[in-house]
Amino acid sequence: MTVNDNEAPVANCQNLTVQLDANGAGSITTGDVNNGSSDNCGIASYALNNSSFNCANTGANTVVLTVFDIHGNSSTCTATITVQDNINPTITCPANITVSNDAGLCSAV
């Protein structure tokens, strides 16, 4: 008698919000997106189609989580990853500059 596991795992995702760091980068893991996925014989691994984000990804992004069971079956779910850039820019002002007026004029170039 041969026993086969043809039942795909149940993939459950959750949406997330990611804050970009001072370098404009953010990342997630499969554990962040996974929301209790299960399988009748056991889960072997998880994979994400995208786990790194930058300033170009600000706003809503869709990622796909794939769940693989121990017998090679797989299932997917999608999650919305909202990327936020909440770090204010910094500026360094130059030193003061003194400019003298041109002779006979009330301005200078």
PDB file of N, CA and C in Angstrom:
ATOM      1  N   MET A   1       0.839  -1.164   0.000  1.00  0.00           N
ATOM      2  CA  MET A   1       0.000   0.000   0.000  1.00  0.00           C
ATOM      3  C   MET A   1       0.896   1.244   0.000  1.00  0.00           C
ATOM      4  N   THR A   2       0.531   2.215  -0.828  1.00  0.00           N
ATOM      5  CA  THR A   2       1.250   3.482  -0.912  1.00  0.00           C
ATOM      6  C   THR A   2       0.380   4.588  -0.341  1.00  0.00           C
ATOM      7  N   VAL A   3       0.982   5.375   0.527  1.00  0.00           N
ATOM      8  CA  VAL A   3       0.267   6.516   1.109  1.00  0.00           C
ATOM      9  C   VAL A   3       0.871   7.783   0.538  1.00  0.00           C
ATOM     10  N   ASN A   4       0.034   8.630  -0.014  1.00  0.00           N
ATOM     11  CA  ASN A   4       0.487   9.890  -0.603  1.00  0.00           C
ATOM     12  C   ASN A   4      -0.139  11.066   0.137  1.00  0.00           C
ATOM     13  N   ASP A   5       0.628  12.099   0.290  1.00  0.00           N
ATOM     14  CA  ASP A   5       0.112  13.356   0.831  1.00  0.00           C
ATOM     15  C   ASP A   5      -0.084  14.300  -0.343  1.00  0.00           C
ATOM     16  N   ASN A   6      -1.322  14.445  -0.787  1.00  0.00           N
ATOM     17  CA  ASN A   6      -1.641  15.332  -1.898  1.00  0.00           C
ATOM     18  C   ASN A   6      -2.347  16.601  -1.430  1.00  0.00           C
ATOM     19  N   GLU A   7      -2.435  16.772  -0.127  1.00  0.00           N
ATOM     20  CA  GLU A   7      -3.124  17.926   0.425  1.00  0.00           C
ATOM     21  C   GLU A   7      -2.139  19.081   0.618  1.00  0.00           C
ATOM     22  N   ALA A   8      -2.449  20.184  -0.027  1.00  0.00           N
ATOM     23  CA  ALA A   8      -1.591  21.366   0.072  1.00  0.00           C
ATOM     24  C   ALA A   8      -1.722  22.002   1.450  1.00  0.00           C
ATOM     25  N   PRO A   9      -0.680  22.652   1.916  1.00  0.00           N
ATOM     26  CA  PRO A   9      -0.783  23.358   3.192  1.00  0.00           C
ATOM     27  C   PRO A   9      -1.781  24.516   3.097  1.00  0.00           C
ATOM     28  N   VAL A  10      -2.222  24.996   4.228  1.00  0.00           N
ATOM     29  CA  VAL A  10      -3.091  26.172   4.282  1.00  0.00           C
ATOM     30  C   VAL A  10      -2.191  27.367   4.600  1.00  0.00           C
ATOM     31  N   ALA A  11      -2.109  28.294   3.660  1.00  0.00           N
ATOM     32  CA  ALA A  11      -1.269  29.482   3.835  1.00  0.00           C
ATOM     33  C   ALA A  11      -2.128  30.625   4.363  1.00  0.00           C
ATOM     34  N   ASN A  12      -1.698  31.205   5.474  1.00  0.00           N
ATOM     35  CA  ASN A  12      -2.393  32.352   6.069  1.00  0.00           C
ATOM     36  C   ASN A  12      -1.406  33.493   6.227  1.00  0.00           C
ATOM     37  N   CYS A  13      -1.760  34.658   5.668  1.00  0.00           N
ATOM     38  CA  CYS A  13      -0.895  35.830   5.716  1.00  0.00           C
ATOM     39  C   CYS A  13      -1.518  36.936   6.562  1.00  0.00           C
ATOM     40  N   GLN A  14      -0.643  37.829   7.023  1.00  0.00           N
ATOM     41  CA  GLN A  14      -1.109  39.038   7.678  1.00  0.00           C
ATOM     42  C   GLN A  14      -0.420  40.253   7.063  1.00  0.00           C
ATOM     43  N   ASN A  15      -1.157  41.372   7.011  1.00  0.00           N
ATOM     44  CA  ASN A  15      -0.616  42.617   6.486  1.00  0.00           C
ATOM     45  C   ASN A  15       0.310  43.243   7.520  1.00  0.00           C
ATOM     46  N   LEU A  16       1.277  44.034   7.040  1.00  0.00           N
ATOM     47  CA  LEU A  16       2.259  44.670   7.921  1.00  0.00           C
ATOM     48  C   LEU A  16       2.526  46.098   7.492  1.00  0.00           C
ATOM     49  N   THR A  17       3.046  46.874   8.448  1.00  0.00           N
ATOM     50  CA  THR A  17       3.586  48.195   8.156  1.00  0.00           C
ATOM     51  C   THR A  17       5.069  48.160   8.491  1.00  0.00           C
ATOM     52  N   VAL A  18       5.898  48.626   7.548  1.00  0.00           N
ATOM     53  CA  VAL A  18       7.351  48.637   7.712  1.00  0.00           C
ATOM     54  C   VAL A  18       7.818  50.085   7.702  1.00  0.00           C
ATOM     55  N   GLN A  19       8.621  50.456   8.697  1.00  0.00           N
ATOM     56  CA  GLN A  19       9.218  51.784   8.754  1.00  0.00           C
ATOM     57  C   GLN A  19      10.623  51.716   8.149  1.00  0.00           C
ATOM     58  N   LEU A  20      10.905  52.589   7.211  1.00  0.00           N
ATOM     59  CA  LEU A  20      12.254  52.641   6.652  1.00  0.00           C
ATOM     60  C   LEU A  20      13.204  53.226   7.691  1.00  0.00           C
ATOM     61  N   ASP A  21      14.447  52.756   7.681  1.00  0.00           N
ATOM     62  CA  ASP A  21      15.449  53.243   8.630  1.00  0.00           C
ATOM     63  C   ASP A  21      16.145  54.488   8.070  1.00  0.00           C
ATOM     64  N   ALA A  22      17.143  54.986   8.786  1.00  0.00           N
ATOM     65  CA  ALA A  22      17.857  56.200   8.386  1.00  0.00           C
ATOM     66  C   ALA A  22      18.550  56.063   7.040  1.00  0.00           C
ATOM     67  N   ASN A  23      18.804  54.844   6.599  1.00  0.00           N
ATOM     68  CA  ASN A  23      19.409  54.598   5.290  1.00  0.00           C
ATOM     69  C   ASN A  23      18.368  54.394   4.193  1.00  0.00           C
ATOM     70  N   GLY A  24      17.081  54.512   4.539  1.00  0.00           N
ATOM     71  CA  GLY A  24      16.011  54.318   3.560  1.00  0.00           C
ATOM     72  C   GLY A  24      15.756  52.870   3.233  1.00  0.00           C
ATOM     73  N   ALA A  25      16.034  51.973   4.176  1.00  0.00           N
ATOM     74  CA  ALA A  25      15.856  50.534   3.938  1.00  0.00           C
ATOM     75  C   ALA A  25      14.953  49.927   5.007  1.00  0.00           C
ATOM     76  N   GLY A  26      14.231  48.904   4.609  1.00  0.00           N
ATOM     77  CA  GLY A  26      13.400  48.135   5.528  1.00  0.00           C
ATOM     78  C   GLY A  26      13.278  46.720   5.022  1.00  0.00           C
ATOM     79  N   SER A  27      12.997  45.782   5.925  1.00  0.00           N
ATOM     80  CA  SER A  27      12.874  44.391   5.497  1.00  0.00           C
ATOM     81  C   SER A  27      11.880  43.649   6.377  1.00  0.00           C
ATOM     82  N   ILE A  28      11.408  42.527   5.852  1.00  0.00           N
ATOM     83  CA  ILE A  28      10.498  41.637   6.564  1.00  0.00           C
ATOM     84  C   ILE A  28      11.007  40.208   6.430  1.00  0.00           C
ATOM     85  N   THR A  29      10.492  39.323   7.264  1.00  0.00           N
ATOM     86  CA  THR A  29      10.816  37.902   7.176  1.00  0.00           C
ATOM     87  C   THR A  29       9.533  37.115   6.937  1.00  0.00           C
ATOM     88  N   THR A  30       9.693  35.853   6.618  1.00  0.00           N
ATOM     89  CA  THR A  30       8.514  34.994   6.443  1.00  0.00           C
ATOM     90  C   THR A  30       7.720  34.923   7.742  1.00  0.00           C
ATOM     91  N   GLY A  31       8.429  34.928   8.882  1.00  0.00           N
ATOM     92  CA  GLY A  31       7.758  34.888  10.170  1.00  0.00           C
ATOM     93  C   GLY A  31       6.908  36.113  10.439  1.00  0.00           C
ATOM     94  N   ASP A  32       7.300  37.256   9.872  1.00  0.00           N
ATOM     95  CA  ASP A  32       6.509  38.476  10.016  1.00  0.00           C
ATOM     96  C   ASP A  32       5.183  38.367   9.266  1.00  0.00           C
ATOM     97  N   VAL A  33       5.206  37.760   8.091  1.00  0.00           N
ATOM     98  CA  VAL A  33       4.028  37.677   7.225  1.00  0.00           C
ATOM     99  C   VAL A  33       3.150  36.473   7.570  1.00  0.00           C
ATOM    100  N   ASN A  34       3.762  35.371   7.976  1.00  0.00           N
ATOM    101  CA  ASN A  34       3.009  34.161   8.293  1.00  0.00           C
ATOM    102  C   ASN A  34       2.059  34.427   9.453  1.00  0.00           C
ATOM    103  N   ASN A  35       0.825  33.967   9.301  1.00  0.00           N
ATOM    104  CA  ASN A  35      -0.194  34.182  10.329  1.00  0.00           C
ATOM    105  C   ASN A  35      -0.869  32.856  10.683  1.00  0.00           C
ATOM    106  N   GLY A  36      -0.047  31.875  11.031  1.00  0.00           N
ATOM    107  CA  GLY A  36      -0.598  30.588  11.457  1.00  0.00           C
ATOM    108  C   GLY A  36      -0.866  29.602  10.339  1.00  0.00           C
ATOM    109  N   SER A  37      -0.044  29.609   9.307  1.00  0.00           N
ATOM    110  CA  SER A  37      -0.186  28.617   8.235  1.00  0.00           C
ATOM    111  C   SER A  37      -0.047  27.216   8.832  1.00  0.00           C
ATOM    112  N   SER A  38      -0.690  26.240   8.177  1.00  0.00           N
ATOM    113  CA  SER A  38      -0.676  24.881   8.734  1.00  0.00           C
ATOM    114  C   SER A  38      -0.675  23.843   7.618  1.00  0.00           C
ATOM    115  N   ASP A  39      -0.396  22.613   8.029  1.00  0.00           N
ATOM    116  CA  ASP A  39      -0.423  21.487   7.088  1.00  0.00           C
ATOM    117  C   ASP A  39      -0.720  20.213   7.861  1.00  0.00           C
ATOM    118  N   ASN A  40      -1.375  19.269   7.213  1.00  0.00           N
ATOM    119  CA  ASN A  40      -1.739  18.019   7.868  1.00  0.00           C
ATOM    120  C   ASN A  40      -0.541  17.140   8.207  1.00  0.00           C
ATOM    121  N   CYS A  41       0.578  17.288   7.496  1.00  0.00           N
ATOM    122  CA  CYS A  41       1.756  16.445   7.753  1.00  0.00           C
ATOM    123  C   CYS A  41       2.978  17.233   8.212  1.00  0.00           C
ATOM    124  N   GLY A  42       2.922  18.536   8.187  1.00  0.00           N
ATOM    125  CA  GLY A  42       4.036  19.341   8.652  1.00  0.00           C
ATOM    126  C   GLY A  42       4.564  20.268   7.583  1.00  0.00           C
ATOM    127  N   ILE A  43       4.965  21.451   8.001  1.00  0.00           N
ATOM    128  CA  ILE A  43       5.509  22.457   7.092  1.00  0.00           C
ATOM    129  C   ILE A  43       7.029  22.331   7.047  1.00  0.00           C
ATOM    130  N   ALA A  44       7.564  22.329   5.834  1.00  0.00           N
ATOM    131  CA  ALA A  44       9.017  22.228   5.649  1.00  0.00           C
ATOM    132  C   ALA A  44       9.666  23.605   5.605  1.00  0.00           C
ATOM    133  N   SER A  45       9.045  24.567   4.880  1.00  0.00           N
ATOM    134  CA  SER A  45       9.672  25.884   4.737  1.00  0.00           C
ATOM    135  C   SER A  45       8.671  26.910   4.232  1.00  0.00           C
ATOM    136  N   TYR A  46       9.126  28.154   4.297  1.00  0.00           N
ATOM    137  CA  TYR A  46       8.355  29.295   3.812  1.00  0.00           C
ATOM    138  C   TYR A  46       9.268  30.112   2.897  1.00  0.00           C
ATOM    139  N   ALA A  47       8.653  30.860   1.968  1.00  0.00           N
ATOM    140  CA  ALA A  47       9.429  31.741   1.087  1.00  0.00           C
ATOM    141  C   ALA A  47       8.603  32.981   0.773  1.00  0.00           C
ATOM    142  N   LEU A  48       9.295  34.114   0.632  1.00  0.00           N
ATOM    143  CA  LEU A  48       8.664  35.366   0.220  1.00  0.00           C
ATOM    144  C   LEU A  48       9.200  35.784  -1.140  1.00  0.00           C
ATOM    145  N   ASN A  49       8.356  36.356  -1.973  1.00  0.00           N
ATOM    146  CA  ASN A  49       8.831  36.831  -3.274  1.00  0.00           C
ATOM    147  C   ASN A  49       9.548  38.171  -3.158  1.00  0.00           C
ATOM    148  N   ASN A  50       9.368  38.894  -2.036  1.00  0.00           N
ATOM    149  CA  ASN A  50      10.066  40.157  -1.816  1.00  0.00           C
ATOM    150  C   ASN A  50      10.147  40.405  -0.321  1.00  0.00           C
ATOM    151  N   SER A  51      11.339  40.687   0.170  1.00  0.00           N
ATOM    152  CA  SER A  51      11.494  40.924   1.600  1.00  0.00           C
ATOM    153  C   SER A  51      12.251  42.213   1.912  1.00  0.00           C
ATOM    154  N   SER A  52      12.707  42.938   0.895  1.00  0.00           N
ATOM    155  CA  SER A  52      13.473  44.171   1.098  1.00  0.00           C
ATOM    156  C   SER A  52      12.768  45.339   0.432  1.00  0.00           C
ATOM    157  N   PHE A  53      12.773  46.461   1.127  1.00  0.00           N
ATOM    158  CA  PHE A  53      12.072  47.644   0.640  1.00  0.00           C
ATOM    159  C   PHE A  53      12.956  48.861   0.800  1.00  0.00           C
ATOM    160  N   ASN A  54      12.694  49.892  -0.045  1.00  0.00           N
ATOM    161  CA  ASN A  54      13.440  51.145   0.033  1.00  0.00           C
ATOM    162  C   ASN A  54      12.498  52.301  -0.264  1.00  0.00           C
ATOM    163  N   CYS A  55      13.037  53.488  -0.418  1.00  0.00           N
ATOM    164  CA  CYS A  55      12.207  54.686  -0.616  1.00  0.00           C
ATOM    165  C   CYS A  55      11.305  54.583  -1.844  1.00  0.00           C
ATOM    166  N   ALA A  56      11.717  53.859  -2.853  1.00  0.00           N
ATOM    167  CA  ALA A  56      10.904  53.689  -4.059  1.00  0.00           C
ATOM    168  C   ALA A  56       9.653  52.858  -3.784  1.00  0.00           C
ATOM    169  N   ASN A  57       9.617  52.139  -2.669  1.00  0.00           N
ATOM    170  CA  ASN A  57       8.488  51.272  -2.335  1.00  0.00           C
ATOM    171  C   ASN A  57       7.510  51.901  -1.346  1.00  0.00           C
ATOM    172  N   THR A  58       7.673  53.196  -1.046  1.00  0.00           N
ATOM    173  CA  THR A  58       6.780  53.846  -0.090  1.00  0.00           C
ATOM    174  C   THR A  58       5.330  53.673  -0.529  1.00  0.00           C
ATOM    175  N   GLY A  59       4.481  53.270   0.422  1.00  0.00           N
ATOM    176  CA  GLY A  59       3.080  53.002   0.131  1.00  0.00           C
ATOM    177  C   GLY A  59       2.797  51.517   0.220  1.00  0.00           C
ATOM    178  N   ALA A  60       1.712  51.080  -0.426  1.00  0.00           N
ATOM    179  CA  ALA A  60       1.273  49.684  -0.369  1.00  0.00           C
ATOM    180  C   ALA A  60       2.030  48.821  -1.369  1.00  0.00           C
ATOM    181  N   ASN A  61       2.502  47.663  -0.907  1.00  0.00           N
ATOM    182  CA  ASN A  61       3.211  46.687  -1.738  1.00  0.00           C
ATOM    183  C   ASN A  61       2.615  45.312  -1.468  1.00  0.00           C
ATOM    184  N   THR A  62       2.397  44.536  -2.501  1.00  0.00           N
ATOM    185  CA  THR A  62       1.876  43.183  -2.340  1.00  0.00           C
ATOM    186  C   THR A  62       3.032  42.191  -2.362  1.00  0.00           C
ATOM    187  N   VAL A  63       3.077  41.309  -1.360  1.00  0.00           N
ATOM    188  CA  VAL A  63       4.065  40.231  -1.334  1.00  0.00           C
ATOM    189  C   VAL A  63       3.327  38.898  -1.315  1.00  0.00           C
ATOM    190  N   VAL A  64       4.006  37.874  -1.800  1.00  0.00           N
ATOM    191  CA  VAL A  64       3.443  36.522  -1.830  1.00  0.00           C
ATOM    192  C   VAL A  64       4.261  35.634  -0.899  1.00  0.00           C
ATOM    193  N   LEU A  65       3.578  35.003   0.045  1.00  0.00           N
ATOM    194  CA  LEU A  65       4.187  34.007   0.922  1.00  0.00           C
ATOM    195  C   LEU A  65       3.851  32.633   0.363  1.00  0.00           C
ATOM    196  N   THR A  66       4.869  31.804   0.146  1.00  0.00           N
ATOM    197  CA  THR A  66       4.658  30.424  -0.293  1.00  0.00           C
ATOM    198  C   THR A  66       5.010  29.501   0.863  1.00  0.00           C
ATOM    199  N   VAL A  67       4.107  28.568   1.138  1.00  0.00           N
ATOM    200  CA  VAL A  67       4.287  27.597   2.216  1.00  0.00           C
ATOM    201  C   VAL A  67       4.485  26.227   1.575  1.00  0.00           C
ATOM    202  N   PHE A  68       5.582  25.543   1.938  1.00  0.00           N
ATOM    203  CA  PHE A  68       5.898  24.217   1.409  1.00  0.00           C
ATOM    204  C   PHE A  68       5.752  23.189   2.517  1.00  0.00           C
ATOM    205  N   ASP A  69       5.043  22.091   2.235  1.00  0.00           N
ATOM    206  CA  ASP A  69       4.965  21.033   3.247  1.00  0.00           C
ATOM    207  C   ASP A  69       6.091  20.019   3.044  1.00  0.00           C
ATOM    208  N   ILE A  70       6.180  19.050   3.937  1.00  0.00           N
ATOM    209  CA  ILE A  70       7.297  18.107   3.914  1.00  0.00           C
ATOM    210  C   ILE A  70       7.240  17.133   2.743  1.00  0.00           C
ATOM    211  N   HIS A  71       6.122  17.133   2.002  1.00  0.00           N
ATOM    212  CA  HIS A  71       6.000  16.233   0.848  1.00  0.00           C
ATOM    213  C   HIS A  71       5.999  16.986  -0.476  1.00  0.00           C
ATOM    214  N   GLY A  72       6.411  18.240  -0.457  1.00  0.00           N
ATOM    215  CA  GLY A  72       6.549  18.989  -1.705  1.00  0.00           C
ATOM    216  C   GLY A  72       5.315  19.737  -2.153  1.00  0.00           C
ATOM    217  N   ASN A  73       4.229  19.668  -1.423  1.00  0.00           N
ATOM    218  CA  ASN A  73       3.032  20.435  -1.774  1.00  0.00           C
ATOM    219  C   ASN A  73       3.238  21.885  -1.331  1.00  0.00           C
ATOM    220  N   SER A  74       2.592  22.802  -2.018  1.00  0.00           N
ATOM    221  CA  SER A  74       2.737  24.202  -1.640  1.00  0.00           C
ATOM    222  C   SER A  74       1.432  24.953  -1.805  1.00  0.00           C
ATOM    223  N   SER A  75       1.380  26.078  -1.143  1.00  0.00           N
ATOM    224  CA  SER A  75       0.224  26.963  -1.199  1.00  0.00           C
ATOM    225  C   SER A  75       0.726  28.389  -1.002  1.00  0.00           C
ATOM    226  N   THR A  76      -0.025  29.363  -1.491  1.00  0.00           N
ATOM    227  CA  THR A  76       0.394  30.760  -1.356  1.00  0.00           C
ATOM    228  C   THR A  76      -0.720  31.617  -0.771  1.00  0.00           C
ATOM    229  N   CYS A  77      -0.315  32.753  -0.241  1.00  0.00           N
ATOM    230  CA  CYS A  77      -1.253  33.797   0.163  1.00  0.00           C
ATOM    231  C   CYS A  77      -0.553  35.127  -0.080  1.00  0.00           C
ATOM    232  N   THR A  78      -1.316  36.195  -0.117  1.00  0.00           N
ATOM    233  CA  THR A  78      -0.737  37.521  -0.338  1.00  0.00           C
ATOM    234  C   THR A  78      -0.971  38.402   0.884  1.00  0.00           C
ATOM    235  N   ALA A  79      -0.059  39.328   1.087  1.00  0.00           N
ATOM    236  CA  ALA A  79      -0.161  40.307   2.159  1.00  0.00           C
ATOM    237  C   ALA A  79       0.197  41.673   1.604  1.00  0.00           C
ATOM    238  N   THR A  80      -0.392  42.692   2.186  1.00  0.00           N
ATOM    239  CA  THR A  80      -0.050  44.061   1.823  1.00  0.00           C
ATOM    240  C   THR A  80       0.955  44.586   2.834  1.00  0.00           C
ATOM    241  N   ILE A  81       2.103  45.001   2.330  1.00  0.00           N
ATOM    242  CA  ILE A  81       3.153  45.587   3.162  1.00  0.00           C
ATOM    243  C   ILE A  81       3.145  47.087   2.890  1.00  0.00           C
ATOM    244  N   THR A  82       2.775  47.851   3.896  1.00  0.00           N
ATOM    245  CA  THR A  82       2.750  49.305   3.767  1.00  0.00           C
ATOM    246  C   THR A  82       4.092  49.852   4.245  1.00  0.00           C
ATOM    247  N   VAL A  83       4.816  50.479   3.324  1.00  0.00           N
ATOM    248  CA  VAL A  83       6.147  51.002   3.623  1.00  0.00           C
ATOM    249  C   VAL A  83       6.020  52.492   3.917  1.00  0.00           C
ATOM    250  N   GLN A  84       6.554  52.897   5.077  1.00  0.00           N
ATOM    251  CA  GLN A  84       6.495  54.293   5.487  1.00  0.00           C
ATOM    252  C   GLN A  84       7.895  54.853   5.703  1.00  0.00           C
ATOM    253  N   ASP A  85       8.054  56.110   5.306  1.00  0.00           N
ATOM    254  CA  ASP A  85       9.300  56.848   5.561  1.00  0.00           C
ATOM    255  C   ASP A  85       8.934  57.971   6.517  1.00  0.00           C
ATOM    256  N   ASN A  86       9.168  57.782   7.812  1.00  0.00           N
ATOM    257  CA  ASN A  86       8.808  58.769   8.830  1.00  0.00           C
ATOM    258  C   ASN A  86      10.011  59.498   9.409  1.00  0.00           C
ATOM    259  N   ILE A  87      11.171  59.366   8.785  1.00  0.00           N
ATOM    260  CA  ILE A  87      12.370  60.036   9.278  1.00  0.00           C
ATOM    261  C   ILE A  87      12.530  61.359   8.539  1.00  0.00           C
ATOM    262  N   ASN A  88      12.590  62.451   9.306  1.00  0.00           N
ATOM    263  CA  ASN A  88      12.751  63.778   8.707  1.00  0.00           C
ATOM    264  C   ASN A  88      14.125  63.909   8.070  1.00  0.00           C
ATOM    265  N   PRO A  89      14.197  64.629   6.949  1.00  0.00           N
ATOM    266  CA  PRO A  89      15.516  64.857   6.335  1.00  0.00           C
ATOM    267  C   PRO A  89      16.339  65.794   7.212  1.00  0.00           C
ATOM    268  N   THR A  90      17.632  65.761   7.033  1.00  0.00           N
ATOM    269  CA  THR A  90      18.525  66.684   7.748  1.00  0.00           C
ATOM    270  C   THR A  90      19.214  67.589   6.746  1.00  0.00           C
ATOM    271  N   ILE A  91      19.565  68.754   7.205  1.00  0.00           N
ATOM    272  CA  ILE A  91      20.265  69.702   6.349  1.00  0.00           C
ATOM    273  C   ILE A  91      21.370  70.364   7.166  1.00  0.00           C
ATOM    274  N   THR A  92      22.482  70.622   6.519  1.00  0.00           N
ATOM    275  CA  THR A  92      23.585  71.346   7.137  1.00  0.00           C
ATOM    276  C   THR A  92      23.763  72.638   6.360  1.00  0.00           C
ATOM    277  N   CYS A  93      23.569  73.748   7.044  1.00  0.00           N
ATOM    278  CA  CYS A  93      23.685  75.054   6.381  1.00  0.00           C
ATOM    279  C   CYS A  93      25.151  75.415   6.194  1.00  0.00           C
ATOM    280  N   PRO A  94      25.465  76.095   5.095  1.00  0.00           N
ATOM    281  CA  PRO A  94      26.860  76.528   4.882  1.00  0.00           C
ATOM    282  C   PRO A  94      27.193  77.671   5.839  1.00  0.00           C
ATOM    283  N   ALA A  95      28.452  77.984   5.962  1.00  0.00           N
ATOM    284  CA  ALA A  95      28.889  79.115   6.779  1.00  0.00           C
ATOM    285  C   ALA A  95      28.358  80.411   6.182  1.00  0.00           C
ATOM    286  N   ASN A  96      28.217  81.446   7.027  1.00  0.00           N
ATOM    287  CA  ASN A  96      27.761  82.750   6.540  1.00  0.00           C
ATOM    288  C   ASN A  96      28.709  83.279   5.475  1.00  0.00           C
ATOM    289  N   ILE A  97      28.143  83.998   4.515  1.00  0.00           N
ATOM    290  CA  ILE A  97      28.913  84.585   3.419  1.00  0.00           C
ATOM    291  C   ILE A  97      28.710  86.096   3.459  1.00  0.00           C
ATOM    292  N   THR A  98      29.775  86.865   3.371  1.00  0.00           N
ATOM    293  CA  THR A  98      29.689  88.322   3.323  1.00  0.00           C
ATOM    294  C   THR A  98      29.978  88.766   1.908  1.00  0.00           C
ATOM    295  N   VAL A  99      29.068  89.564   1.364  1.00  0.00           N
ATOM    296  CA  VAL A  99      29.217  90.069   0.000  1.00  0.00           C
ATOM    297  C   VAL A  99      29.122  91.592   0.053  1.00  0.00           C
ATOM    298  N   SER A 100      30.066  92.279  -0.565  1.00  0.00           N
ATOM    299  CA  SER A 100      30.059  93.743  -0.620  1.00  0.00           C
ATOM    300  C   SER A 100      29.322  94.200  -1.871  1.00  0.00           C
ATOM    301  N   ASN A 101      28.638  95.347  -1.731  1.00  0.00           N
ATOM    302  CA  ASN A 101      27.945  95.893  -2.888  1.00  0.00           C
ATOM    303  C   ASN A 101      28.943  96.360  -3.935  1.00  0.00           C
ATOM    304  N   ASP A 102      28.512  96.306  -5.177  1.00  0.00           N
ATOM    305  CA  ASP A 102      29.306  96.853  -6.257  1.00  0.00           C
ATOM    306  C   ASP A 102      29.292  98.385  -6.167  1.00  0.00           C
ATOM    307  N   ALA A 103      30.357  99.015  -6.544  1.00  0.00           N
ATOM    308  CA  ALA A 103      30.469 100.492  -6.454  1.00  0.00           C
ATOM    309  C   ALA A 103      29.332 101.149  -7.194  1.00  0.00           C
ATOM    310  N   GLY A 104      28.628 102.042  -6.512  1.00  0.00           N
ATOM    311  CA  GLY A 104      27.555 102.805  -7.134  1.00  0.00           C
ATOM    312  C   GLY A 104      26.253 102.039  -7.289  1.00  0.00           C
ATOM    313  N   LEU A 105      26.184 100.784  -6.804  1.00  0.00           N
ATOM    314  CA  LEU A 105      24.974  99.976  -6.928  1.00  0.00           C
ATOM    315  C   LEU A 105      24.494  99.547  -5.548  1.00  0.00           C
ATOM    316  N   CYS A 106      23.235  99.284  -5.471  1.00  0.00           N
ATOM    317  CA  CYS A 106      22.666  98.795  -4.200  1.00  0.00           C
ATOM    318  C   CYS A 106      22.538  97.271  -4.214  1.00  0.00           C
ATOM    319  N   SER A 107      23.319  96.618  -5.009  1.00  0.00           N
ATOM    320  CA  SER A 107      23.260  95.146  -5.070  1.00  0.00           C
ATOM    321  C   SER A 107      24.633  94.618  -5.425  1.00  0.00           C
ATOM    322  N   ALA A 108      24.746  93.336  -5.353  1.00  0.00           N
ATOM    323  CA  ALA A 108      26.013  92.686  -5.704  1.00  0.00           C
ATOM    324  C   ALA A 108      25.707  91.376  -6.389  1.00  0.00           C
ATOM    325  N   VAL A 109      26.630  90.909  -7.180  1.00  0.00           N
ATOM    326  CA  VAL A 109      26.489  89.637  -7.881  1.00  0.00           C
ATOM    327  C   VAL A 109      27.508  88.671  -7.316  1.00  0.00           C
TER     328      VAL A 109
END
